[in-house]
C-alpha atoms as a PDB file:
ATOM      1  CA  MET A   1       0.000   0.000   0.000  1.00  0.00           C
ATOM      2  CA  PRO A   2       1.534   3.347  -0.980  1.00  0.00           C
ATOM      3  CA  GLU A   3       2.113   6.067   1.596  1.00  0.00           C
ATOM      4  CA  PRO A   4      -0.831   8.486   2.008  1.00  0.00           C
ATOM      5  CA  ALA A   5       1.203  11.357   0.499  1.00  0.00           C
ATOM      6  CA  ALA A   6       1.895   9.219  -2.580  1.00  0.00           C
ATOM      7  CA  GLN A   7      -1.804   8.359  -2.838  1.00  0.00           C
ATOM      8  CA  GLU A   8      -2.728  12.063  -2.750  1.00  0.00           C
ATOM      9  CA  LEU A   9      -0.470  12.631  -5.754  1.00  0.00           C
ATOM     10  CA  GLY A  10      -1.947   9.646  -7.565  1.00  0.00           C
ATOM     11  CA  LEU A  11       1.326   7.714  -7.313  1.00  0.00           C
ATOM     12  CA  ASP A  12       1.530   3.988  -6.718  1.00  0.00           C
ATOM     13  CA  PRO A  13       5.050   2.558  -6.830  1.00  0.00           C
ATOM     14  CA  ALA A  14       3.624  -0.950  -7.344  1.00  0.00           C
ATOM     15  CA  GLN A  15       2.219   0.184 -10.690  1.00  0.00           C
ATOM     16  CA  GLU A  16       5.629   1.525 -11.778  1.00  0.00           C
ATOM     17  CA  SER A  17       7.537  -1.687 -11.138  1.00  0.00           C
ATOM     18  CA  PRO A  18       6.588  -5.165  -9.913  1.00  0.00           C
ATOM     19  CA  PHE A  19       9.574  -4.992  -7.543  1.00  0.00           C
ATOM     20  CA  LYS A  20       8.456  -1.798  -5.760  1.00  0.00           C
ATOM     21  CA  GLY A  21       5.788  -3.528  -3.671  1.00  0.00           C
ATOM     22  CA  ARG A  22       8.258  -5.412  -1.498  1.00  0.00           C
ATOM     23  CA  THR A  23       8.486  -4.074   2.046  1.00  0.00           C
ATOM     24  CA  GLY A  24      10.161  -4.754   5.345  1.00  0.00           C
ATOM     25  CA  LEU A  25      12.952  -7.240   5.848  1.00  0.00           C
ATOM     26  CA  ARG A  26      12.285  -8.963   2.518  1.00  0.00           C
ATOM     27  CA  ARG A  27      12.971  -5.691   0.670  1.00  0.00           C
ATOM     28  CA  ILE A  28      16.193  -5.155   2.624  1.00  0.00           C
ATOM     29  CA  TRP A  29      17.299  -8.739   1.934  1.00  0.00           C
ATOM     30  CA  ASN A  30      16.546  -8.386  -1.794  1.00  0.00           C
ATOM     31  CA  ALA A  31      18.312  -5.011  -1.951  1.00  0.00           C
ATOM     32  CA  PHE A  32      21.379  -6.527  -0.302  1.00  0.00           C
ATOM     33  CA  HIS A  33      21.533  -9.271  -2.930  1.00  0.00           C
ATOM     34  CA  TYR A  34      20.984  -6.788  -5.771  1.00  0.00           C
ATOM     35  CA  SER A  35      23.863  -4.741  -4.388  1.00  0.00           C
ATOM     36  CA  LEU A  36      26.159  -7.774  -4.259  1.00  0.00           C
ATOM     37  CA  ALA A  37      25.180  -8.629  -7.838  1.00  0.00           C
ATOM     38  CA  GLY A  38      26.009  -5.059  -8.864  1.00  0.00           C
ATOM     39  CA  LEU A  39      29.421  -5.188  -7.192  1.00  0.00           C
ATOM     40  CA  ARG A  40      30.131  -8.522  -8.851  1.00  0.00           C
ATOM     41  CA  ALA A  41      29.045  -7.250 -12.271  1.00  0.00           C
ATOM     42  CA  ALA A  42      31.144  -4.098 -11.911  1.00  0.00           C
ATOM     43  CA  TYR A  43      34.196  -6.100 -10.874  1.00  0.00           C
ATOM     44  CA  LEU A  44      33.823  -8.639 -13.676  1.00  0.00           C
ATOM     45  CA  CYS A  45      32.877  -6.217 -16.462  1.00  0.00           C
ATOM     46  CA  GLU A  46      34.572  -2.900 -15.676  1.00  0.00           C
ATOM     47  CA  ASP A  47      38.360  -2.615 -15.957  1.00  0.00           C
ATOM     48  CA  ALA A  48      38.410   0.795 -14.265  1.00  0.00           C
ATOM     49  CA  PHE A  49      36.478  -0.551 -11.270  1.00  0.00           C
ATOM     50  CA  ARG A  50      38.935  -3.442 -10.892  1.00  0.00           C
ATOM     51  CA  GLN A  51      41.860  -0.988 -10.971  1.00  0.00           C
ATOM     52  CA  GLU A  52      40.221   1.200  -8.364  1.00  0.00           C
ATOM     53  CA  VAL A  53      39.475  -1.816  -6.157  1.00  0.00           C
ATOM     54  CA  ARG A  54      43.186  -2.677  -6.333  1.00  0.00           C
ATOM     55  CA  LEU A  55      44.011   0.895  -5.369  1.00  0.00           C
ATOM     56  CA  ALA A  56      41.584   0.615  -2.432  1.00  0.00           C
ATOM     57  CA  LEU A  57      43.151  -2.698  -1.365  1.00  0.00           C
ATOM     58  CA  LEU A  58      46.472  -0.868  -1.171  1.00  0.00           C
ATOM     59  CA  LEU A  59      45.373   2.450   0.331  1.00  0.00           C
ATOM     60  CA  VAL A  60      42.805   1.347   2.939  1.00  0.00           C
ATOM     61  CA  PRO A  61      45.238  -0.914   4.826  1.00  0.00           C
ATOM     62  CA  LEU A  62      47.883   1.808   4.488  1.00  0.00           C
ATOM     63  CA  ALA A  63      45.449   4.302   6.051  1.00  0.00           C
ATOM     64  CA  LEU A  64      44.845   1.858   8.920  1.00  0.00           C
ATOM     65  CA  TRP A  65      48.590   1.452   9.430  1.00  0.00           C
ATOM     66  CA  LEU A  66      49.591   5.125   9.283  1.00  0.00           C
ATOM     67  CA  PRO A  67      50.079   6.856  12.642  1.00  0.00           C
ATOM     68  CA  VAL A  68      47.372   9.466  12.143  1.00  0.00           C
ATOM     69  CA  PRO A  69      44.364  10.460  14.266  1.00  0.00           C
ATOM     70  CA  TRP A  70      41.168   8.518  13.645  1.00  0.00           C
ATOM     71  CA  ALA A  71      39.429  11.488  12.043  1.00  0.00           C
ATOM     72  CA  GLU A  72      42.183  11.778   9.435  1.00  0.00           C
ATOM     73  CA  ARG A  73      42.230   8.014   8.966  1.00  0.00           C
ATOM     74  CA  GLY A  74      38.498   8.134   8.308  1.00  0.00           C
ATOM     75  CA  LEU A  75      38.998  10.912   5.768  1.00  0.00           C
ATOM     76  CA  LEU A  76      41.709   8.912   3.982  1.00  0.00           C
ATOM     77  CA  ILE A  77      39.504   5.818   3.783  1.00  0.00           C
ATOM     78  CA  ALA A  78      36.338   7.745   2.865  1.00  0.00           C
ATOM     79  CA  SER A  79      38.092   9.459  -0.034  1.00  0.00           C
ATOM     80  CA  VAL A  80      39.141   6.079  -1.446  1.00  0.00           C
ATOM     81  CA  LEU A  81      35.661   4.602  -1.026  1.00  0.00           C
ATOM     82  CA  LEU A  82      34.186   7.660  -2.717  1.00  0.00           C
ATOM     83  CA  VAL A  83      36.148   6.774  -5.864  1.00  0.00           C
ATOM     84  CA  LEU A  84      34.520   3.328  -5.896  1.00  0.00           C
ATOM     85  CA  ILE A  85      31.061   4.842  -5.413  1.00  0.00           C
ATOM     86  CA  VAL A  86      31.542   7.359  -8.214  1.00  0.00           C
ATOM     87  CA  GLU A  87      32.935   4.658 -10.523  1.00  0.00           C
ATOM     88  CA  LEU A  88      29.893   2.470  -9.854  1.00  0.00           C
ATOM     89  CA  LEU A  89      27.577   5.351 -10.747  1.00  0.00           C
ATOM     90  CA  ASN A  90      29.630   6.147 -13.852  1.00  0.00           C
ATOM     91  CA  SER A  91      29.491   2.515 -14.958  1.00  0.00           C
ATOM     92  CA  ALA A  92      25.721   2.482 -14.432  1.00  0.00           C
ATOM     93  CA  ILE A  93      25.336   5.608 -16.570  1.00  0.00           C
ATOM     94  CA  GLU A  94      27.476   4.073 -19.312  1.00  0.00           C
ATOM     95  CA  ALA A  95      25.477   0.835 -19.234  1.00  0.00           C
ATOM     96  CA  VAL A  96      22.175   2.678 -19.557  1.00  0.00           C
ATOM     97  CA  VAL A  97      23.477   4.872 -22.382  1.00  0.00           C
ATOM     98  CA  ASP A  98      24.754   1.802 -24.228  1.00  0.00           C
ATOM     99  CA  ARG A  99      21.441  -0.003 -23.612  1.00  0.00           C
ATOM    100  CA  VAL A 100      19.509   2.846 -25.178  1.00  0.00           C
ATOM    101  CA  SER A 101      21.718   3.009 -28.266  1.00  0.00           C
ATOM    102  CA  LEU A 102      25.207   2.124 -29.391  1.00  0.00           C
ATOM    103  CA  GLU A 103      25.215   4.840 -32.052  1.00  0.00           C
ATOM    104  CA  ASN A 104      27.512   7.814 -31.591  1.00  0.00           C
ATOM    105  CA  HIS A 105      25.385  10.679 -30.348  1.00  0.00           C
ATOM    106  CA  ARG A 106      26.478  13.948 -28.776  1.00  0.00           C
ATOM    107  CA  LEU A 107      24.191  13.496 -25.760  1.00  0.00           C
ATOM    108  CA  ALA A 108      25.430   9.954 -25.145  1.00  0.00           C
ATOM    109  CA  LYS A 109      29.005  11.214 -25.353  1.00  0.00           C
ATOM    110  CA  ARG A 110      28.185  14.075 -23.017  1.00  0.00           C
ATOM    111  CA  ALA A 111      26.645  11.726 -20.439  1.00  0.00           C
ATOM    112  CA  LYS A 112      29.650   9.410 -20.547  1.00  0.00           C
ATOM    113  CA  ASP A 113      32.141  12.279 -20.450  1.00  0.00           C
ATOM    114  CA  ILE A 114      30.415  13.868 -17.456  1.00  0.00           C
ATOM    115  CA  GLY A 115      30.461  10.538 -15.605  1.00  0.00           C
ATOM    116  CA  SER A 116      34.143  10.174 -16.424  1.00  0.00           C
ATOM    117  CA  ALA A 117      34.794  13.709 -15.169  1.00  0.00           C
ATOM    118  CA  ALA A 118      33.139  12.801 -11.856  1.00  0.00           C
ATOM    119  CA  VAL A 119      35.532   9.860 -11.490  1.00  0.00           C
ATOM    120  CA  LEU A 120      38.499  12.109 -12.289  1.00  0.00           C
ATOM    121  CA  ILE A 121      37.441  14.645  -9.667  1.00  0.00           C
ATOM    122  CA  SER A 122      37.049  11.903  -7.057  1.00  0.00           C
ATOM    123  CA  LEU A 123      40.554  10.625  -7.876  1.00  0.00           C
ATOM    124  CA  LEU A 124      41.950  14.156  -7.591  1.00  0.00           C
ATOM    125  CA  LEU A 125      40.217  14.437  -4.224  1.00  0.00           C
ATOM    126  CA  VAL A 126      42.023  11.286  -3.060  1.00  0.00           C
ATOM    127  CA  ALA A 127      45.347  12.771  -4.151  1.00  0.00           C
ATOM    128  CA  VAL A 128      44.682  16.083  -2.387  1.00  0.00           C
ATOM    129  CA  ILE A 129      43.489  14.484   0.861  1.00  0.00           C
ATOM    130  CA  TRP A 130      46.302  11.932   1.003  1.00  0.00           C
ATOM    131  CA  ALA A 131      48.933  14.530   0.128  1.00  0.00           C
ATOM    132  CA  GLY A 132      47.563  16.939   2.732  1.00  0.00           C
ATOM    133  CA  VAL A 133      47.476  14.361   5.513  1.00  0.00           C
ATOM    134  CA  LEU A 134      50.895  12.915   4.679  1.00  0.00           C
ATOM    135  CA  VAL A 135      52.606  16.287   4.283  1.00  0.00           C
ATOM    136  CA  GLU A 136      51.139  17.470   7.602  1.00  0.00           C
ATOM    137  CA  ARG A 137      52.125  14.280   9.460  1.00  0.00           C
ATOM    138  CA  LEU A 138      55.569  13.822   7.899  1.00  0.00           C
ATOM    139  CA  SER A 139      56.729  17.412   8.325  1.00  0.00           C
END
């Protein structure tokens, strides 16, 4: 049953998708498995995601090992995880664009380029945060 506010707007998520009607623990369990399937698909099908996972497997333990305060350690780790999140979103955008059409189109290129730019900015953020923390701690 949709929320009362959704009913007032004439919206019923169950009519939009057969999967929207799931609620409670079953929905959480399904969402967890969909998320694992997404991680697996990204790892198996996306070279950039695999490279960034390798980077995370190097940097996260290094962040745990470095003698820095926990707040800085959290910032180091969060910046690395942000790259993985942005790459997942970029890969999803690319998959949808390719699903719609494989033809070269300026809007498809724009969507893919913008997603790629988001990944680049997240990688630059990692570099800035790590450099800032290391320079401060090693000086």
